[in-house]
């Protein structure tokens, strides 16, 4: 077992002896293992693409307790306003309109006509 060298002169002598023998004195077995060990390859991340959901916009008439009182197509906002005003006069409550985004049902592709 080699002991710890006392000074730089002994270190220099050891380095020269190792150099004469043909080995590098500064390279230890631990350094050799670290140099030989390779890092694992980085894996590419998989990103999940979101499915596009088609929606249509409607006007909803709601009471102050958030109960839905009616739905109107987006082009008929005046009818929705009129319905909210009519209900407010009739029931003496607060009614308001709010846009609703409703998902469209997936349409199945039309069957191609067979030319027989």
N, C-alpha and C. Protein backbone atom coordinates (compact mmCIF):
# COMPACT_ATOMS: atom_id res chain seq x y z
N UNK A 1 0.82 -1.16 0.00
CA UNK A 1 0.00 0.00 0.00
C UNK A 1 0.88 1.24 0.00
N UNK A 2 0.57 2.13 -0.92
CA UNK A 2 1.38 3.34 -1.02
C UNK A 2 0.85 4.36 -0.04
N UNK A 3 1.74 5.01 0.66
CA UNK A 3 1.35 6.05 1.62
C UNK A 3 1.25 7.38 0.92
N UNK A 4 0.79 8.36 1.63
CA UNK A 4 0.63 9.70 1.08
C UNK A 4 2.01 10.35 0.97
N UNK A 5 2.36 10.90 -0.20
CA UNK A 5 3.67 11.55 -0.34
C UNK A 5 3.78 12.76 0.59
N UNK A 6 5.00 12.98 1.08
CA UNK A 6 5.23 14.04 2.05
C UNK A 6 5.34 15.42 1.42
N UNK A 7 5.94 15.50 0.24
CA UNK A 7 6.13 16.82 -0.35
C UNK A 7 6.11 16.76 -1.87
N UNK A 8 6.30 17.92 -2.50
CA UNK A 8 6.24 17.99 -3.96
C UNK A 8 7.42 17.29 -4.61
N UNK A 9 8.52 17.21 -3.95
CA UNK A 9 9.68 16.54 -4.52
C UNK A 9 9.38 15.05 -4.72
N UNK A 10 8.72 14.44 -3.72
CA UNK A 10 8.36 13.03 -3.86
C UNK A 10 7.33 12.83 -4.97
N UNK A 11 6.39 13.77 -5.08
CA UNK A 11 5.39 13.69 -6.15
C UNK A 11 6.06 13.75 -7.51
N UNK A 12 7.04 14.62 -7.64
CA UNK A 12 7.76 14.76 -8.91
C UNK A 12 8.50 13.47 -9.25
N UNK A 13 9.12 12.86 -8.25
CA UNK A 13 9.85 11.61 -8.47
C UNK A 13 8.89 10.50 -8.91
N UNK A 14 7.72 10.45 -8.29
CA UNK A 14 6.75 9.44 -8.67
C UNK A 14 6.25 9.65 -10.10
N UNK A 15 6.04 10.90 -10.49
CA UNK A 15 5.57 11.20 -11.83
C UNK A 15 6.62 10.83 -12.86
N UNK A 16 7.88 11.12 -12.57
CA UNK A 16 8.96 10.76 -13.50
C UNK A 16 9.10 9.25 -13.62
N UNK A 17 8.95 8.53 -12.50
CA UNK A 17 9.05 7.08 -12.53
C UNK A 17 7.91 6.48 -13.35
N UNK A 18 6.73 7.04 -13.20
CA UNK A 18 5.59 6.54 -13.97
C UNK A 18 5.76 6.85 -15.45
N UNK A 19 6.30 8.02 -15.76
CA UNK A 19 6.53 8.41 -17.14
C UNK A 19 7.55 7.48 -17.80
N UNK A 20 8.58 7.13 -17.05
CA UNK A 20 9.60 6.22 -17.57
C UNK A 20 8.99 4.83 -17.80
N UNK A 21 8.03 4.45 -16.97
CA UNK A 21 7.40 3.14 -17.11
C UNK A 21 6.38 3.15 -18.25
N UNK A 22 5.96 4.34 -18.70
CA UNK A 22 5.05 4.43 -19.82
C UNK A 22 3.58 4.60 -19.42
N UNK A 23 3.32 4.92 -18.18
CA UNK A 23 1.94 5.17 -17.74
C UNK A 23 1.81 6.59 -17.26
N UNK A 24 0.59 7.08 -17.20
CA UNK A 24 0.33 8.44 -16.73
C UNK A 24 0.04 8.38 -15.24
N UNK A 25 0.81 9.11 -14.44
CA UNK A 25 0.66 9.06 -13.00
C UNK A 25 -0.59 9.77 -12.52
N UNK A 26 -1.05 10.74 -13.28
CA UNK A 26 -2.22 11.51 -12.85
C UNK A 26 -3.52 10.77 -13.11
N UNK A 27 -3.50 9.76 -13.99
CA UNK A 27 -4.72 9.05 -14.32
C UNK A 27 -4.92 7.91 -13.33
N UNK A 28 -6.04 7.95 -12.61
CA UNK A 28 -6.35 6.93 -11.63
C UNK A 28 -7.39 5.98 -12.21
N UNK A 29 -7.60 4.83 -11.59
CA UNK A 29 -8.62 3.90 -12.09
C UNK A 29 -10.03 4.52 -12.08
N UNK A 30 -10.31 5.37 -11.11
CA UNK A 30 -11.63 6.01 -11.04
C UNK A 30 -11.85 6.93 -12.24
N UNK A 31 -10.78 7.64 -12.64
CA UNK A 31 -10.89 8.54 -13.80
C UNK A 31 -11.06 7.73 -15.08
N UNK A 32 -10.43 6.57 -15.15
CA UNK A 32 -10.56 5.74 -16.34
C UNK A 32 -12.00 5.25 -16.50
N UNK A 33 -12.65 4.88 -15.37
CA UNK A 33 -14.03 4.42 -15.42
C UNK A 33 -14.97 5.54 -15.84
N UNK A 34 -14.72 6.74 -15.32
CA UNK A 34 -15.58 7.88 -15.64
C UNK A 34 -15.45 8.24 -17.12
N UNK A 35 -14.24 8.15 -17.66
CA UNK A 35 -14.04 8.49 -19.06
C UNK A 35 -14.66 7.43 -19.97
N UNK A 36 -14.64 6.18 -19.55
CA UNK A 36 -15.17 5.11 -20.37
C UNK A 36 -16.70 5.08 -20.36
N UNK A 37 -17.32 5.61 -19.30
CA UNK A 37 -18.77 5.57 -19.17
C UNK A 37 -19.40 6.62 -20.09
N UNK A 38 -20.36 6.18 -20.93
CA UNK A 38 -21.02 7.09 -21.86
C UNK A 38 -22.37 7.50 -21.31
N UNK A 39 -22.77 8.70 -21.65
CA UNK A 39 -24.09 9.18 -21.24
C UNK A 39 -25.15 8.56 -22.14
N UNK A 40 -26.33 8.25 -21.57
CA UNK A 40 -27.39 7.68 -22.41
C UNK A 40 -27.92 8.72 -23.39
N UNK A 41 -28.38 8.25 -24.52
CA UNK A 41 -28.89 9.15 -25.55
C UNK A 41 -30.19 9.79 -25.07
N UNK A 42 -30.39 11.05 -25.40
CA UNK A 42 -31.58 11.77 -25.00
C UNK A 42 -32.74 11.36 -25.91
N UNK A 43 -33.85 10.94 -25.28
CA UNK A 43 -35.01 10.51 -26.06
C UNK A 43 -35.85 11.74 -26.43
N UNK A 44 -36.41 11.71 -27.60
CA UNK A 44 -37.26 12.81 -28.05
C UNK A 44 -38.59 12.73 -27.32
N UNK A 45 -39.11 13.89 -26.92
CA UNK A 45 -40.39 13.93 -26.22
C UNK A 45 -41.52 13.78 -27.22
N UNK A 46 -42.53 13.04 -26.80
CA UNK A 46 -43.70 12.87 -27.66
C UNK A 46 -44.74 13.90 -27.24
N UNK A 47 -45.22 14.62 -28.20
CA UNK A 47 -46.27 15.59 -27.90
C UNK A 47 -47.58 15.07 -28.45
N UNK A 48 -48.60 15.23 -27.68
CA UNK A 48 -49.91 14.75 -28.07
C UNK A 48 -50.66 15.90 -28.72
N UNK A 49 -51.15 15.68 -29.92
CA UNK A 49 -51.90 16.73 -30.61
C UNK A 49 -53.35 16.67 -30.17
N UNK A 50 -53.91 17.84 -29.90
CA UNK A 50 -55.29 17.91 -29.47
C UNK A 50 -56.20 17.81 -30.68
N UNK A 51 -57.28 17.07 -30.49
CA UNK A 51 -58.26 16.94 -31.56
C UNK A 51 -59.06 18.24 -31.64
N UNK A 52 -59.28 18.72 -32.84
CA UNK A 52 -60.02 19.95 -33.04
C UNK A 52 -61.51 19.64 -32.95
N UNK A 53 -62.18 20.33 -32.04
CA UNK A 53 -63.61 20.13 -31.85
C UNK A 53 -64.33 21.34 -32.43
N UNK A 54 -65.21 21.09 -33.37
CA UNK A 54 -65.99 22.17 -33.96
C UNK A 54 -67.15 22.51 -33.03
N UNK A 55 -67.42 23.80 -32.89
CA UNK A 55 -68.49 24.26 -32.02
C UNK A 55 -69.32 25.30 -32.72
N UNK A 56 -70.54 25.44 -32.25
CA UNK A 56 -71.38 26.51 -32.77
C UNK A 56 -71.75 27.41 -31.60
N UNK A 57 -72.01 28.67 -31.91
CA UNK A 57 -72.30 29.66 -30.90
C UNK A 57 -73.79 29.96 -30.88
N UNK A 58 -74.38 29.91 -29.69
CA UNK A 58 -75.80 30.19 -29.50
C UNK A 58 -75.94 31.27 -28.43
N UNK A 59 -77.12 31.90 -28.39
CA UNK A 59 -77.43 32.83 -27.31
C UNK A 59 -78.35 32.10 -26.34
N UNK A 60 -78.00 32.12 -25.07
CA UNK A 60 -78.82 31.49 -24.05
C UNK A 60 -79.44 32.55 -23.16
N UNK A 61 -80.72 32.38 -22.83
CA UNK A 61 -81.41 33.28 -21.90
C UNK A 61 -81.42 32.59 -20.55
N UNK A 62 -80.90 33.27 -19.52
CA UNK A 62 -80.76 32.70 -18.19
C UNK A 62 -81.45 33.57 -17.16
N UNK A 63 -81.95 32.91 -16.09
CA UNK A 63 -82.53 33.65 -14.98
C UNK A 63 -81.41 33.99 -14.00
N UNK A 64 -81.75 34.75 -12.97
CA UNK A 64 -80.73 35.14 -11.99
C UNK A 64 -80.22 33.93 -11.20
N UNK A 65 -80.96 32.84 -11.18
CA UNK A 65 -80.50 31.62 -10.52
C UNK A 65 -79.79 30.68 -11.50
N UNK A 66 -79.42 31.21 -12.66
CA UNK A 66 -78.67 30.51 -13.70
C UNK A 66 -79.45 29.35 -14.33
N UNK A 67 -80.77 29.42 -14.28
CA UNK A 67 -81.58 28.43 -14.97
C UNK A 67 -81.74 28.87 -16.42
N UNK A 68 -81.49 27.94 -17.34
CA UNK A 68 -81.58 28.28 -18.76
C UNK A 68 -83.05 28.33 -19.16
N UNK A 69 -83.45 29.46 -19.73
CA UNK A 69 -84.84 29.68 -20.13
C UNK A 69 -85.06 29.53 -21.63
N UNK A 70 -84.00 29.60 -22.41
CA UNK A 70 -84.16 29.45 -23.85
C UNK A 70 -82.84 29.56 -24.57
N UNK A 71 -82.83 29.04 -25.81
CA UNK A 71 -81.64 29.12 -26.68
C UNK A 71 -82.06 29.67 -28.02
N UNK A 72 -81.19 30.52 -28.57
CA UNK A 72 -81.46 31.12 -29.87
C UNK A 72 -80.21 31.04 -30.72
N UNK A 73 -80.36 30.89 -32.05
CA UNK A 73 -79.19 30.90 -32.93
C UNK A 73 -78.44 32.23 -32.80
N UNK A 74 -77.18 32.21 -33.15
CA UNK A 74 -76.33 33.39 -32.98
C UNK A 74 -76.85 34.58 -33.78
N UNK A 75 -77.44 34.34 -34.91
CA UNK A 75 -77.93 35.43 -35.77
C UNK A 75 -79.19 36.08 -35.19
N UNK A 76 -79.84 35.46 -34.21
CA UNK A 76 -81.09 35.97 -33.67
C UNK A 76 -80.91 36.55 -32.26
N UNK A 77 -79.95 37.44 -32.11
CA UNK A 77 -79.72 38.05 -30.80
C UNK A 77 -80.90 38.93 -30.38
N UNK A 78 -81.52 39.61 -31.33
CA UNK A 78 -82.66 40.46 -31.00
C UNK A 78 -83.79 39.64 -30.39
N UNK A 79 -84.04 38.46 -30.90
CA UNK A 79 -85.08 37.59 -30.35
C UNK A 79 -84.72 37.15 -28.93
N UNK A 80 -83.44 36.90 -28.67
CA UNK A 80 -83.01 36.51 -27.33
C UNK A 80 -83.18 37.68 -26.36
N UNK A 81 -82.83 38.90 -26.79
CA UNK A 81 -83.04 40.09 -25.95
C UNK A 81 -84.52 40.29 -25.64
N UNK A 82 -85.36 40.10 -26.65
CA UNK A 82 -86.79 40.27 -26.47
C UNK A 82 -87.33 39.24 -25.49
N UNK A 83 -86.88 38.01 -25.57
CA UNK A 83 -87.33 36.96 -24.66
C UNK A 83 -86.90 37.27 -23.22
N UNK A 84 -85.68 37.76 -23.03
CA UNK A 84 -85.20 38.12 -21.70
C UNK A 84 -86.03 39.26 -21.12
N UNK A 85 -86.35 40.26 -21.94
CA UNK A 85 -87.16 41.39 -21.48
C UNK A 85 -88.58 40.92 -21.15
N UNK A 86 -89.14 40.06 -21.97
CA UNK A 86 -90.50 39.53 -21.75
C UNK A 86 -90.58 38.77 -20.42
N UNK A 87 -89.59 37.93 -20.17
CA UNK A 87 -89.57 37.16 -18.92
C UNK A 87 -89.36 38.06 -17.71
N UNK A 88 -88.55 39.11 -17.86
CA UNK A 88 -88.29 40.04 -16.75
C UNK A 88 -89.57 40.77 -16.35
N UNK A 89 -90.38 41.17 -17.33
CA UNK A 89 -91.64 41.85 -17.04
C UNK A 89 -92.63 40.88 -16.42
N UNK A 90 -92.71 39.68 -16.94
CA UNK A 90 -93.70 38.69 -16.51
C UNK A 90 -93.42 38.19 -15.09
N UNK A 91 -92.17 37.87 -14.77
CA UNK A 91 -91.83 37.25 -13.49
C UNK A 91 -91.18 38.19 -12.50
N UNK A 92 -90.89 39.43 -12.90
CA UNK A 92 -90.26 40.43 -12.03
C UNK A 92 -88.94 39.91 -11.44
N UNK A 93 -88.15 39.28 -12.29
CA UNK A 93 -86.82 38.78 -11.94
C UNK A 93 -85.84 39.35 -12.93
N UNK A 94 -84.56 39.08 -12.68
CA UNK A 94 -83.52 39.51 -13.60
C UNK A 94 -83.21 38.37 -14.57
N UNK A 95 -83.25 38.67 -15.85
CA UNK A 95 -82.89 37.70 -16.90
C UNK A 95 -81.80 38.33 -17.75
N UNK A 96 -80.90 37.50 -18.23
CA UNK A 96 -79.80 38.00 -19.07
C UNK A 96 -79.51 36.98 -20.15
N UNK A 97 -78.79 37.45 -21.18
CA UNK A 97 -78.37 36.53 -22.24
C UNK A 97 -76.87 36.34 -22.16
N UNK A 98 -76.45 35.18 -22.60
CA UNK A 98 -75.03 34.84 -22.55
C UNK A 98 -74.72 33.89 -23.70
N UNK A 99 -73.54 34.06 -24.33
CA UNK A 99 -73.20 33.13 -25.43
C UNK A 99 -72.89 31.73 -24.88
N UNK A 100 -73.30 30.73 -25.64
CA UNK A 100 -73.05 29.33 -25.29
C UNK A 100 -72.32 28.69 -26.47
N UNK A 101 -71.22 28.02 -26.18
CA UNK A 101 -70.49 27.27 -27.21
C UNK A 101 -70.87 25.82 -27.08
N UNK A 102 -71.51 25.30 -28.11
CA UNK A 102 -72.01 23.93 -28.10
C UNK A 102 -71.24 23.11 -29.12
N UNK A 103 -70.67 21.96 -28.73
CA UNK A 103 -69.93 21.15 -29.71
C UNK A 103 -70.87 20.57 -30.76
N UNK A 104 -70.41 20.57 -31.98
CA UNK A 104 -71.21 19.99 -33.07
C UNK A 104 -71.04 18.48 -33.05
N UNK A 105 -72.09 17.78 -33.39
CA UNK A 105 -72.01 16.32 -33.48
C UNK A 105 -71.13 15.97 -34.68
N UNK A 106 -70.30 14.96 -34.51
CA UNK A 106 -69.43 14.55 -35.62
C UNK A 106 -70.28 14.01 -36.75
N UNK A 107 -70.06 14.59 -37.88
CA UNK A 107 -70.81 14.12 -39.06
C UNK A 107 -70.08 12.94 -39.67
N UNK A 108 -70.85 11.94 -40.02
CA UNK A 108 -70.25 10.80 -40.71
C UNK A 108 -70.17 11.13 -42.18
N UNK A 109 -69.09 10.73 -42.84
CA UNK A 109 -68.97 11.04 -44.27
C UNK A 109 -70.09 10.39 -45.05
N UNK A 110 -70.60 11.15 -46.03
CA UNK A 110 -71.70 10.64 -46.85
C UNK A 110 -71.22 9.44 -47.66
N UNK A 111 -72.09 8.47 -47.79
CA UNK A 111 -71.75 7.27 -48.55
C UNK A 111 -71.64 7.62 -50.03
N UNK A 112 -70.59 7.19 -50.64
CA UNK A 112 -70.39 7.48 -52.06
C UNK A 112 -71.38 6.65 -52.89
N UNK A 113 -72.04 7.31 -53.85
CA UNK A 113 -72.99 6.54 -54.67
C UNK A 113 -72.25 5.51 -55.53
N UNK A 114 -72.86 4.36 -55.60
CA UNK A 114 -72.23 3.29 -56.41
C UNK A 114 -72.77 3.41 -57.84
N UNK A 115 -71.88 3.38 -58.76
CA UNK A 115 -72.23 3.53 -60.17
C UNK A 115 -72.41 2.16 -60.82
N UNK A 116 -73.44 1.45 -60.44
CA UNK A 116 -73.65 0.11 -61.00
C UNK A 116 -74.68 0.13 -62.10
